[in-house]
Amino acid sequence: IDLHADMDGFDLAKEIRNFDSRGFI
């Protein structure tokens, strides 16, 4: 979750959901 970047784990997961709606997170 804490990736020390502009995008944290939650933001990354939201981006993933844009192209992989059924992926396992």
PDB file of all heavy atoms in Angstrom:
ATOM      1  N   ILE A   1       0.832  -1.210   0.000  1.00  0.00           N
ATOM      2  CA  ILE A   1       0.000   0.000   0.000  1.00  0.00           C
ATOM      3  C   ILE A   1       0.863   1.256   0.000  1.00  0.00           C
ATOM      4  O   ILE A   1       0.639   2.185  -0.778  1.00  0.00           O
ATOM      5  CB  ILE A   1      -0.958  -0.001   1.206  1.00  0.00           C
ATOM      6  CG1 ILE A   1      -2.010  -1.102   1.006  1.00  0.00           C
ATOM      7  CG2 ILE A   1      -1.637   1.358   1.348  1.00  0.00           C
ATOM      8  CD1 ILE A   1      -3.016  -1.208   2.132  1.00  0.00           C
ATOM      9  N   ASP A   2       1.879   1.287   0.849  1.00  0.00           N
ATOM     10  CA  ASP A   2       2.742   2.470   0.943  1.00  0.00           C
ATOM     11  C   ASP A   2       3.935   2.290   0.009  1.00  0.00           C
ATOM     12  O   ASP A   2       4.953   1.711   0.384  1.00  0.00           O
ATOM     13  CB  ASP A   2       3.201   2.674   2.393  1.00  0.00           C
ATOM     14  CG  ASP A   2       3.907   4.006   2.587  1.00  0.00           C
ATOM     15  OD1 ASP A   2       3.945   4.797   1.622  1.00  0.00           O
ATOM     16  OD2 ASP A   2       4.412   4.258   3.690  1.00  0.00           O
ATOM     17  N   LEU A   3       3.813   2.809  -1.206  1.00  0.00           N
ATOM     18  CA  LEU A   3       4.831   2.576  -2.236  1.00  0.00           C
ATOM     19  C   LEU A   3       5.820   3.729  -2.364  1.00  0.00           C
ATOM     20  O   LEU A   3       6.688   3.704  -3.240  1.00  0.00           O
ATOM     21  CB  LEU A   3       4.142   2.334  -3.582  1.00  0.00           C
ATOM     22  CG  LEU A   3       3.351   1.027  -3.692  1.00  0.00           C
ATOM     23  CD1 LEU A   3       2.484   1.013  -4.944  1.00  0.00           C
ATOM     24  CD2 LEU A   3       4.297  -0.165  -3.683  1.00  0.00           C
ATOM     25  N   HIS A   4       5.683   4.772  -1.535  1.00  0.00           N
ATOM     26  CA  HIS A   4       6.566   5.932  -1.588  1.00  0.00           C
ATOM     27  C   HIS A   4       6.677   6.472  -3.011  1.00  0.00           C
ATOM     28  O   HIS A   4       7.768   6.713  -3.530  1.00  0.00           O
ATOM     29  CB  HIS A   4       7.955   5.592  -1.033  1.00  0.00           C
ATOM     30  CG  HIS A   4       7.938   5.178   0.402  1.00  0.00           C
ATOM     31  ND1 HIS A   4       7.882   3.848   0.798  1.00  0.00           N
ATOM     32  CD2 HIS A   4       7.936   5.909   1.545  1.00  0.00           C
ATOM     33  CE1 HIS A   4       7.874   3.784   2.119  1.00  0.00           C
ATOM     34  NE2 HIS A   4       7.889   5.017   2.600  1.00  0.00           N
ATOM     35  N   ALA A   5       5.531   6.620  -3.633  1.00  0.00           N
ATOM     36  CA  ALA A   5       5.466   7.116  -5.006  1.00  0.00           C
ATOM     37  C   ALA A   5       4.241   8.019  -5.132  1.00  0.00           C
ATOM     38  O   ALA A   5       3.468   8.175  -4.186  1.00  0.00           O
ATOM     39  CB  ALA A   5       5.379   5.946  -5.997  1.00  0.00           C
ATOM     40  N   ASP A   6       4.090   8.624  -6.301  1.00  0.00           N
ATOM     41  CA  ASP A   6       2.922   9.480  -6.525  1.00  0.00           C
ATOM     42  C   ASP A   6       1.621   8.691  -6.412  1.00  0.00           C
ATOM     43  O   ASP A   6       0.561   9.251  -6.159  1.00  0.00           O
ATOM     44  CB  ASP A   6       3.002  10.129  -7.915  1.00  0.00           C
ATOM     45  CG  ASP A   6       4.157  11.112  -8.016  1.00  0.00           C
ATOM     46  OD1 ASP A   6       4.591  11.613  -6.958  1.00  0.00           O
ATOM     47  OD2 ASP A   6       4.627  11.382  -9.132  1.00  0.00           O
ATOM     48  N   MET A   7       1.720   7.392  -6.609  1.00  0.00           N
ATOM     49  CA  MET A   7       0.560   6.500  -6.581  1.00  0.00           C
ATOM     50  C   MET A   7       0.743   5.481  -5.460  1.00  0.00           C
ATOM     51  O   MET A   7       1.760   4.782  -5.413  1.00  0.00           O
ATOM     52  CB  MET A   7       0.463   5.792  -7.950  1.00  0.00           C
ATOM     53  CG  MET A   7      -0.812   5.015  -8.189  1.00  0.00           C
ATOM     54  SD  MET A   7      -0.747   4.182  -9.819  1.00  0.00           S
ATOM     55  CE  MET A   7      -0.564   5.572 -10.925  1.00  0.00           C
ATOM     56  N   ASP A   8      -0.219   5.393  -4.532  1.00  0.00           N
ATOM     57  CA  ASP A   8      -0.113   4.362  -3.504  1.00  0.00           C
ATOM     58  C   ASP A   8      -0.811   3.084  -3.988  1.00  0.00           C
ATOM     59  O   ASP A   8      -1.306   3.018  -5.114  1.00  0.00           O
ATOM     60  CB  ASP A   8      -0.675   4.838  -2.164  1.00  0.00           C
ATOM     61  CG  ASP A   8      -2.182   5.127  -2.195  1.00  0.00           C
ATOM     62  OD1 ASP A   8      -2.868   4.648  -3.116  1.00  0.00           O
ATOM     63  OD2 ASP A   8      -2.660   5.832  -1.291  1.00  0.00           O
ATOM     64  N   GLY A   9      -0.843   2.077  -3.121  1.00  0.00           N
ATOM     65  CA  GLY A   9      -1.413   0.790  -3.531  1.00  0.00           C
ATOM     66  C   GLY A   9      -2.875   0.866  -3.902  1.00  0.00           C
ATOM     67  O   GLY A   9      -3.332   0.178  -4.822  1.00  0.00           O
ATOM     68  N   PHE A  10      -3.631   1.724  -3.200  1.00  0.00           N
ATOM     69  CA  PHE A  10      -5.051   1.872  -3.523  1.00  0.00           C
ATOM     70  C   PHE A  10      -5.245   2.522  -4.889  1.00  0.00           C
ATOM     71  O   PHE A  10      -6.090   2.104  -5.684  1.00  0.00           O
ATOM     72  CB  PHE A  10      -5.753   2.698  -2.441  1.00  0.00           C
ATOM     73  CG  PHE A  10      -5.841   2.020  -1.111  1.00  0.00           C
ATOM     74  CD1 PHE A  10      -5.398   2.654   0.035  1.00  0.00           C
ATOM     75  CD2 PHE A  10      -6.356   0.736  -0.986  1.00  0.00           C
ATOM     76  CE1 PHE A  10      -5.474   2.038   1.274  1.00  0.00           C
ATOM     77  CE2 PHE A  10      -6.442   0.099   0.240  1.00  0.00           C
ATOM     78  CZ  PHE A  10      -5.995   0.752   1.380  1.00  0.00           C
ATOM     79  N   ASP A  11      -4.449   3.576  -5.155  1.00  0.00           N
ATOM     80  CA  ASP A  11      -4.527   4.230  -6.463  1.00  0.00           C
ATOM     81  C   ASP A  11      -4.127   3.260  -7.575  1.00  0.00           C
ATOM     82  O   ASP A  11      -4.730   3.234  -8.653  1.00  0.00           O
ATOM     83  CB  ASP A  11      -3.610   5.456  -6.507  1.00  0.00           C
ATOM     84  CG  ASP A  11      -4.064   6.556  -5.566  1.00  0.00           C
ATOM     85  OD1 ASP A  11      -5.286   6.707  -5.388  1.00  0.00           O
ATOM     86  OD2 ASP A  11      -3.191   7.255  -5.001  1.00  0.00           O
ATOM     87  N   LEU A  12      -3.105   2.461  -7.307  1.00  0.00           N
ATOM     88  CA  LEU A  12      -2.656   1.471  -8.289  1.00  0.00           C
ATOM     89  C   LEU A  12      -3.757   0.451  -8.566  1.00  0.00           C
ATOM     90  O   LEU A  12      -4.008   0.087  -9.720  1.00  0.00           O
ATOM     91  CB  LEU A  12      -1.396   0.769  -7.770  1.00  0.00           C
ATOM     92  CG  LEU A  12      -0.839  -0.381  -8.612  1.00  0.00           C
ATOM     93  CD1 LEU A  12      -0.559   0.070 -10.034  1.00  0.00           C
ATOM     94  CD2 LEU A  12       0.434  -0.943  -7.958  1.00  0.00           C
ATOM     95  N   ALA A  13      -4.418   0.009  -7.501  1.00  0.00           N
ATOM     96  CA  ALA A  13      -5.508  -0.964  -7.670  1.00  0.00           C
ATOM     97  C   ALA A  13      -6.640  -0.385  -8.523  1.00  0.00           C
ATOM     98  O   ALA A  13      -7.233  -1.081  -9.344  1.00  0.00           O
ATOM     99  CB  ALA A  13      -6.030  -1.400  -6.308  1.00  0.00           C
ATOM    100  N   LYS A  14      -6.957   0.897  -8.299  1.00  0.00           N
ATOM    101  CA  LYS A  14      -8.006   1.537  -9.096  1.00  0.00           C
ATOM    102  C   LYS A  14      -7.618   1.580 -10.572  1.00  0.00           C
ATOM    103  O   LYS A  14      -8.460   1.378 -11.455  1.00  0.00           O
ATOM    104  CB  LYS A  14      -8.265   2.953  -8.576  1.00  0.00           C
ATOM    105  CG  LYS A  14      -8.995   2.994  -7.233  1.00  0.00           C
ATOM    106  CD  LYS A  14      -9.076   4.386  -6.667  1.00  0.00           C
ATOM    107  CE  LYS A  14      -9.948   5.290  -7.524  1.00  0.00           C
ATOM    108  NZ  LYS A  14     -10.064   6.647  -6.920  1.00  0.00           N
ATOM    109  N   GLU A  15      -6.344   1.846 -10.856  1.00  0.00           N
ATOM    110  CA  GLU A  15      -5.867   1.846 -12.243  1.00  0.00           C
ATOM    111  C   GLU A  15      -5.966   0.446 -12.847  1.00  0.00           C
ATOM    112  O   GLU A  15      -6.340   0.277 -14.006  1.00  0.00           O
ATOM    113  CB  GLU A  15      -4.422   2.346 -12.308  1.00  0.00           C
ATOM    114  CG  GLU A  15      -4.255   3.831 -12.077  1.00  0.00           C
ATOM    115  CD  GLU A  15      -4.883   4.647 -13.197  1.00  0.00           C
ATOM    116  OE1 GLU A  15      -4.773   4.251 -14.370  1.00  0.00           O
ATOM    117  OE2 GLU A  15      -5.502   5.682 -12.888  1.00  0.00           O
ATOM    118  N   ILE A  16      -5.636  -0.565 -12.055  1.00  0.00           N
ATOM    119  CA  ILE A  16      -5.719  -1.947 -12.526  1.00  0.00           C
ATOM    120  C   ILE A  16      -7.158  -2.292 -12.896  1.00  0.00           C
ATOM    121  O   ILE A  16      -7.416  -2.942 -13.915  1.00  0.00           O
ATOM    122  CB  ILE A  16      -5.184  -2.918 -11.445  1.00  0.00           C
ATOM    123  CG1 ILE A  16      -3.668  -2.770 -11.311  1.00  0.00           C
ATOM    124  CG2 ILE A  16      -5.556  -4.371 -11.777  1.00  0.00           C
ATOM    125  CD1 ILE A  16      -3.089  -3.468 -10.098  1.00  0.00           C
ATOM    126  N   ARG A  17      -8.097  -1.839 -12.078  1.00  0.00           N
ATOM    127  CA  ARG A  17      -9.507  -2.139 -12.328  1.00  0.00           C
ATOM    128  C   ARG A  17      -9.998  -1.550 -13.654  1.00  0.00           C
ATOM    129  O   ARG A  17     -10.987  -2.021 -14.221  1.00  0.00           O
ATOM    130  CB  ARG A  17     -10.367  -1.614 -11.180  1.00  0.00           C
ATOM    131  CG  ARG A  17     -10.315  -2.490  -9.937  1.00  0.00           C
ATOM    132  CD  ARG A  17     -11.114  -3.775 -10.145  1.00  0.00           C
ATOM    133  NE  ARG A  17     -11.047  -4.648  -8.970  1.00  0.00           N
ATOM    134  CZ  ARG A  17     -10.486  -5.831  -8.973  1.00  0.00           C
ATOM    135  NH1 ARG A  17      -9.908  -6.300 -10.075  1.00  0.00           N
ATOM    136  NH2 ARG A  17     -10.489  -6.584  -7.883  1.00  0.00           N
ATOM    137  N   ASN A  18      -9.299  -0.542 -14.184  1.00  0.00           N
ATOM    138  CA  ASN A  18      -9.713   0.055 -15.454  1.00  0.00           C
ATOM    139  C   ASN A  18      -9.522  -0.889 -16.644  1.00  0.00           C
ATOM    140  O   ASN A  18     -10.206  -0.765 -17.655  1.00  0.00           O
ATOM    141  CB  ASN A  18      -8.935   1.356 -15.720  1.00  0.00           C
ATOM    142  CG  ASN A  18      -9.365   2.484 -14.816  1.00  0.00           C
ATOM    143  OD1 ASN A  18     -10.507   2.524 -14.369  1.00  0.00           O
ATOM    144  ND2 ASN A  18      -8.456   3.407 -14.537  1.00  0.00           N
ATOM    145  N   PHE A  19      -8.566  -1.839 -16.516  1.00  0.00           N
ATOM    146  CA  PHE A  19      -8.338  -2.769 -17.624  1.00  0.00           C
ATOM    147  C   PHE A  19      -8.453  -4.236 -17.210  1.00  0.00           C
ATOM    148  O   PHE A  19      -8.443  -5.120 -18.059  1.00  0.00           O
ATOM    149  CB  PHE A  19      -6.963  -2.521 -18.283  1.00  0.00           C
ATOM    150  CG  PHE A  19      -5.786  -2.695 -17.351  1.00  0.00           C
ATOM    151  CD1 PHE A  19      -5.223  -3.938 -17.135  1.00  0.00           C
ATOM    152  CD2 PHE A  19      -5.250  -1.596 -16.706  1.00  0.00           C
ATOM    153  CE1 PHE A  19      -4.154  -4.092 -16.289  1.00  0.00           C
ATOM    154  CE2 PHE A  19      -4.168  -1.736 -15.847  1.00  0.00           C
ATOM    155  CZ  PHE A  19      -3.619  -2.982 -15.640  1.00  0.00           C
ATOM    156  N   ASP A  20      -8.566  -4.493 -15.932  1.00  0.00           N
ATOM    157  CA  ASP A  20      -8.715  -5.874 -15.441  1.00  0.00           C
ATOM    158  C   ASP A  20      -9.764  -5.878 -14.336  1.00  0.00           C
ATOM    159  O   ASP A  20      -9.441  -5.927 -13.147  1.00  0.00           O
ATOM    160  CB  ASP A  20      -7.376  -6.409 -14.937  1.00  0.00           C
ATOM    161  CG  ASP A  20      -7.421  -7.908 -14.631  1.00  0.00           C
ATOM    162  OD1 ASP A  20      -8.528  -8.487 -14.715  1.00  0.00           O
ATOM    163  OD2 ASP A  20      -6.371  -8.489 -14.294  1.00  0.00           O
ATOM    164  N   SER A  21     -11.017  -5.817 -14.746  1.00  0.00           N
ATOM    165  CA  SER A  21     -12.109  -5.683 -13.774  1.00  0.00           C
ATOM    166  C   SER A  21     -12.307  -6.936 -12.932  1.00  0.00           C
ATOM    167  O   SER A  21     -12.907  -6.883 -11.861  1.00  0.00           O
ATOM    168  CB  SER A  21     -13.412  -5.332 -14.505  1.00  0.00           C
ATOM    169  OG  SER A  21     -13.759  -6.359 -15.420  1.00  0.00           O
ATOM    170  N   ARG A  22     -11.804  -8.089 -13.413  1.00  0.00           N
ATOM    171  CA  ARG A  22     -12.012  -9.336 -12.698  1.00  0.00           C
ATOM    172  C   ARG A  22     -10.739  -9.885 -12.069  1.00  0.00           C
ATOM    173  O   ARG A  22     -10.702 -11.014 -11.597  1.00  0.00           O
ATOM    174  CB  ARG A  22     -12.603 -10.385 -13.645  1.00  0.00           C
ATOM    175  CG  ARG A  22     -13.969 -10.004 -14.177  1.00  0.00           C
ATOM    176  CD  ARG A  22     -14.548 -11.067 -15.056  1.00  0.00           C
ATOM    177  NE  ARG A  22     -13.691 -11.382 -16.197  1.00  0.00           N
ATOM    178  CZ  ARG A  22     -14.042 -12.170 -17.201  1.00  0.00           C
ATOM    179  NH1 ARG A  22     -15.224 -12.742 -17.186  1.00  0.00           N
ATOM    180  NH2 ARG A  22     -13.227 -12.390 -18.205  1.00  0.00           N
ATOM    181  N   GLY A  23      -9.677  -9.075 -12.070  1.00  0.00           N
ATOM    182  CA  GLY A  23      -8.414  -9.521 -11.491  1.00  0.00           C
ATOM    183  C   GLY A  23      -8.517  -9.718  -9.985  1.00  0.00           C
ATOM    184  O   GLY A  23      -9.437  -9.232  -9.327  1.00  0.00           O
ATOM    185  N   PHE A  24      -7.534 -10.426  -9.425  1.00  0.00           N
ATOM    186  CA  PHE A  24      -7.531 -10.773  -8.005  1.00  0.00           C
ATOM    187  C   PHE A  24      -6.465  -9.938  -7.297  1.00  0.00           C
ATOM    188  O   PHE A  24      -5.270 -10.102  -7.566  1.00  0.00           O
ATOM    189  CB  PHE A  24      -7.259 -12.264  -7.838  1.00  0.00           C
ATOM    190  CG  PHE A  24      -8.187 -13.115  -8.660  1.00  0.00           C
ATOM    191  CD1 PHE A  24      -7.789 -13.603  -9.895  1.00  0.00           C
ATOM    192  CD2 PHE A  24      -9.478 -13.386  -8.233  1.00  0.00           C
ATOM    193  CE1 PHE A  24      -8.640 -14.379 -10.671  1.00  0.00           C
ATOM    194  CE2 PHE A  24     -10.341 -14.160  -8.998  1.00  0.00           C
ATOM    195  CZ  PHE A  24      -9.924 -14.649 -10.222  1.00  0.00           C
ATOM    196  N   ILE A  25      -6.903  -9.039  -6.417  1.00  0.00           N
ATOM    197  CA  ILE A  25      -5.998  -8.098  -5.763  1.00  0.00           C
ATOM    198  C   ILE A  25      -5.847  -8.440  -4.283  1.00  0.00           C
ATOM    199  O   ILE A  25      -6.833  -8.608  -3.560  1.00  0.00           O
ATOM    200  CB  ILE A  25      -6.519  -6.656  -5.918  1.00  0.00           C
ATOM    201  CG1 ILE A  25      -6.491  -6.250  -7.404  1.00  0.00           C
ATOM    202  CG2 ILE A  25      -5.686  -5.685  -5.087  1.00  0.00           C
ATOM    203  CD1 ILE A  25      -7.093  -4.889  -7.670  1.00  0.00           C
TER     204      ILE A  25
END
